[in-house]
Amino acid sequence: MRKELFFIYLLTIGLVSCNTNQKKNDSLKDLDSSSIADSFVESETHLEDSINDFNLLNDSDSIRKFAELILEGKIKPTDNQETYECLNQLITVETDSEKEFYFEVFQKISKHSDGALSEMICGIIKTFFELNPDLCIEKYNEFDSTEKKDFIDYIAFEFYASGTEFETDICNYIERTEKRLKIKSSENSSILEEIRNQLIDRANEMNN
């Protein structure tokens, strides 16, 4: 009789324990799913807000912040409006320090350029070179062979894409650019002549 009562006692404890554990598990499941859902919504909201901050790059401060993230490697440049705005600053900013900064951004973007992104770069660099020959010649002298080739290709593609009179158009372009030189030295003139010849060669190569 005592054994039977002891058995019933153990069975009762076991059932109570199972019910208690089940309730705890159910409560944990509810808590976890609720917390995860809340965390996901919160993270998604912050992400959306962050993206929206840069989807509306309509002032110089937000464009500068986006450009700094590109330089830091936190954002990969692509053929989107945000990257375009950073590149376009090259031909809109006025101070030398800003031009230096955005030229560095251009160099960073250039390393990630594919077909679509390269097309975005071409017209801007062609214009920037004509407007700022002194800075471009200074940077050109610092380029390695790959960077020089890319720089030439960006500008040459614009002439290739715009018509067939490559040589005449390029000569006129370099002539206009030389007139904007602040430092009119024989060295700078020689570099412009070198760039002119390379542009003509590359535009013709692209056409063949």
Protein backbone atom coordinates (compact mmCIF):
# COMPACT_ATOMS: atom_id res chain seq x y z
CA MET A 1 0.00 0.00 0.00
CA ARG A 2 2.81 2.37 0.87
CA LYS A 3 4.53 1.57 -2.42
CA GLU A 4 1.36 2.35 -4.36
CA LEU A 5 0.90 5.67 -2.54
CA PHE A 6 4.54 6.55 -3.16
CA PHE A 7 4.15 5.74 -6.86
CA ILE A 8 1.03 7.94 -7.11
CA TYR A 9 2.93 10.72 -5.33
CA LEU A 10 5.81 10.56 -7.83
CA LEU A 11 3.43 10.51 -10.77
CA THR A 12 1.63 13.60 -9.47
CA ILE A 13 4.88 15.51 -9.04
CA GLY A 14 5.95 14.51 -12.52
CA LEU A 15 2.71 15.78 -14.08
CA VAL A 16 2.90 19.06 -12.20
CA SER A 17 6.51 19.49 -13.25
CA CYS A 18 5.68 18.81 -16.91
CA ASN A 19 2.85 21.34 -16.87
CA THR A 20 5.06 23.92 -15.21
CA ASN A 21 7.88 23.40 -17.72
CA GLN A 22 5.42 23.51 -20.62
CA LYS A 23 4.03 26.82 -19.39
CA LYS A 24 7.58 28.17 -19.03
CA ASN A 25 8.47 27.01 -22.54
CA ASP A 26 5.30 28.54 -23.97
CA SER A 27 6.07 31.79 -22.19
CA LEU A 28 9.63 31.77 -23.51
CA LYS A 29 8.41 31.07 -27.03
CA ASP A 30 5.98 33.97 -26.83
CA LEU A 31 8.65 36.24 -25.37
CA ASP A 32 11.29 35.26 -27.94
CA SER A 33 9.02 35.63 -30.96
CA SER A 34 7.74 38.95 -29.70
CA SER A 35 11.24 40.25 -28.97
CA ILE A 36 12.58 39.07 -32.32
CA ALA A 37 9.69 40.67 -34.17
CA ASP A 38 10.17 43.95 -32.28
CA SER A 39 13.92 43.89 -32.92
CA PHE A 40 13.41 43.18 -36.61
CA VAL A 41 10.92 46.00 -37.01
CA GLU A 42 13.20 48.35 -35.10
CA SER A 43 16.27 47.36 -37.18
CA GLU A 44 14.31 47.59 -40.42
CA THR A 45 13.06 51.03 -39.45
CA HIS A 46 16.57 52.27 -38.65
CA LEU A 47 17.89 50.80 -41.91
CA GLU A 48 15.10 52.43 -43.88
CA ASP A 49 15.75 55.75 -42.17
CA SER A 50 19.46 55.42 -42.93
CA ILE A 51 18.80 54.68 -46.59
CA ASN A 52 16.32 57.52 -46.84
CA ASP A 53 18.95 59.89 -45.45
CA PHE A 54 21.08 59.22 -48.53
CA ASN A 55 18.25 58.82 -51.04
CA LEU A 56 17.69 62.53 -50.67
CA LEU A 57 21.17 63.91 -51.26
CA ASN A 58 20.04 67.43 -51.93
CA ASP A 59 22.58 69.39 -49.91
CA SER A 60 26.36 69.56 -49.76
CA ASP A 61 26.59 68.24 -46.19
CA SER A 62 24.76 64.97 -46.87
CA ILE A 63 26.69 64.48 -50.12
CA ARG A 64 29.95 65.03 -48.23
CA LYS A 65 28.95 62.45 -45.59
CA PHE A 66 28.12 59.91 -48.29
CA ALA A 67 31.45 60.62 -50.01
CA GLU A 68 33.32 60.12 -46.73
CA LEU A 69 31.66 56.72 -46.32
CA ILE A 70 32.88 55.79 -49.81
CA LEU A 71 36.43 56.78 -48.88
CA GLU A 72 36.20 54.78 -45.65
CA GLY A 73 35.05 51.73 -47.58
CA LYS A 74 31.73 51.59 -45.73
CA ILE A 75 29.70 52.11 -48.90
CA LYS A 76 30.50 50.54 -52.25
CA PRO A 77 29.94 53.02 -55.09
CA THR A 78 27.53 51.90 -57.80
CA ASP A 79 25.76 53.51 -60.75
CA ASN A 80 23.14 55.18 -58.54
CA GLN A 81 22.08 58.74 -57.91
CA GLU A 82 24.06 59.00 -54.67
CA THR A 83 27.36 58.09 -56.33
CA TYR A 84 26.58 60.43 -59.22
CA GLU A 85 26.02 63.33 -56.80
CA CYS A 86 29.45 62.68 -55.26
CA LEU A 87 31.11 62.68 -58.69
CA ASN A 88 29.18 65.74 -59.81
CA GLN A 89 30.64 67.72 -56.92
CA LEU A 90 33.88 67.78 -58.89
CA ILE A 91 32.40 70.29 -61.30
CA THR A 92 30.23 72.19 -58.80
CA VAL A 93 32.45 72.84 -55.75
CA GLU A 94 34.54 75.98 -55.80
CA THR A 95 37.37 75.75 -53.28
CA ASP A 96 40.65 73.95 -53.99
CA SER A 97 40.31 71.84 -50.84
CA GLU A 98 36.87 70.62 -51.92
CA LYS A 99 38.16 69.79 -55.40
CA GLU A 100 41.04 67.85 -53.86
CA PHE A 101 38.63 65.94 -51.63
CA TYR A 102 36.22 64.98 -54.41
CA PHE A 103 39.07 64.08 -56.75
CA GLU A 104 40.13 61.56 -54.11
CA VAL A 105 36.55 60.30 -54.04
CA PHE A 106 36.64 59.97 -57.83
CA GLN A 107 39.81 57.88 -57.59
CA LYS A 108 38.15 55.61 -55.04
CA ILE A 109 35.05 55.24 -57.19
CA SER A 110 37.19 54.58 -60.26
CA LYS A 111 38.66 51.48 -58.62
CA HIS A 112 35.15 50.01 -58.36
CA SER A 113 33.91 51.12 -61.76
CA ASP A 114 32.13 48.75 -64.11
CA GLY A 115 30.54 49.57 -67.46
CA ALA A 116 27.61 51.61 -66.17
CA LEU A 117 29.62 53.38 -63.48
CA SER A 118 32.42 54.18 -65.93
CA GLU A 119 29.95 55.86 -68.27
CA MET A 120 28.84 58.00 -65.34
CA ILE A 121 32.43 59.05 -64.71
CA CYS A 122 33.40 59.88 -68.31
CA GLY A 123 31.52 63.11 -68.93
CA ILE A 124 32.26 64.53 -65.49
CA ILE A 125 36.01 63.90 -65.73
CA LYS A 126 36.13 65.34 -69.26
CA THR A 127 34.54 68.56 -67.98
CA PHE A 128 36.61 68.66 -64.79
CA PHE A 129 39.87 68.34 -66.69
CA GLU A 130 38.99 71.22 -68.98
CA LEU A 131 37.99 73.45 -66.06
CA ASN A 132 40.84 72.47 -63.72
CA PRO A 133 43.89 71.58 -65.83
CA ASP A 134 46.47 72.54 -63.19
CA LEU A 135 45.05 70.19 -60.58
CA CYS A 136 44.54 67.40 -63.11
CA ILE A 137 48.09 67.67 -64.44
CA GLU A 138 49.41 67.58 -60.88
CA LYS A 139 47.39 64.42 -60.18
CA TYR A 140 48.26 62.91 -63.55
CA ASN A 141 51.95 63.17 -62.69
CA GLU A 142 51.26 61.17 -59.52
CA PHE A 143 49.24 58.45 -61.26
CA ASP A 144 50.62 55.00 -61.85
CA SER A 145 50.37 53.54 -65.37
CA THR A 146 46.94 51.98 -64.74
CA GLU A 147 45.49 55.20 -63.35
CA LYS A 148 46.83 57.16 -66.30
CA LYS A 149 45.28 54.71 -68.73
CA ASP A 150 41.91 54.84 -66.97
CA PHE A 151 41.98 58.64 -66.89
CA ILE A 152 42.68 58.80 -70.63
CA ASP A 153 40.02 56.18 -71.36
CA TYR A 154 37.32 58.09 -69.48
CA ILE A 155 37.88 61.23 -71.54
CA ALA A 156 38.54 59.42 -74.83
CA PHE A 157 35.28 57.52 -74.55
CA GLU A 158 33.35 60.80 -74.52
CA PHE A 159 34.91 61.81 -77.84
CA TYR A 160 34.40 58.35 -79.30
CA ALA A 161 30.73 58.40 -78.26
CA SER A 162 30.05 61.91 -79.54
CA GLY A 163 31.05 61.59 -83.20
CA THR A 164 33.71 60.72 -85.74
CA GLU A 165 35.81 63.89 -85.85
CA PHE A 166 37.92 62.69 -82.95
CA GLU A 167 41.18 64.39 -83.78
CA THR A 168 39.69 67.83 -84.48
CA ASP A 169 37.45 67.74 -81.40
CA ILE A 170 40.26 66.58 -79.13
CA CYS A 171 42.68 69.21 -80.43
CA ASN A 172 40.10 71.94 -79.82
CA TYR A 173 39.42 70.53 -76.37
CA ILE A 174 43.10 70.55 -75.38
CA GLU A 175 43.48 74.05 -76.79
CA ARG A 176 40.62 75.30 -74.59
CA THR A 177 42.07 73.46 -71.62
CA GLU A 178 45.52 74.98 -72.10
CA LYS A 179 44.03 78.48 -72.04
CA ARG A 180 42.77 77.78 -68.53
CA LEU A 181 46.19 76.84 -67.20
CA LYS A 182 47.30 79.03 -64.32
CA ILE A 183 50.86 77.75 -64.49
CA LYS A 184 51.83 78.09 -68.14
CA SER A 185 55.08 76.17 -68.14
CA SER A 186 56.78 74.14 -70.84
CA GLU A 187 56.35 71.05 -68.66
CA ASN A 188 52.58 71.51 -68.40
CA SER A 189 52.32 72.18 -72.12
CA SER A 190 54.30 69.01 -72.80
CA ILE A 191 51.97 66.96 -70.58
CA LEU A 192 48.91 68.39 -72.33
CA GLU A 193 50.44 67.43 -75.67
CA GLU A 194 51.04 63.91 -74.36
CA ILE A 195 47.44 63.68 -73.15
CA ARG A 196 46.14 65.00 -76.49
CA ASN A 197 48.04 62.36 -78.44
CA GLN A 198 46.90 59.58 -76.14
CA LEU A 199 43.28 60.72 -76.37
CA ILE A 200 43.41 60.64 -80.16
CA ASP A 201 44.99 57.18 -80.16
CA ARG A 202 42.49 55.74 -77.69
CA ALA A 203 39.44 57.26 -79.40
CA ASN A 204 40.55 55.77 -82.69
CA GLU A 205 41.20 52.39 -81.06
CA MET A 206 37.69 52.43 -79.62
CA ASN A 207 36.31 53.16 -83.05
CA ASN A 208 38.05 50.17 -84.66
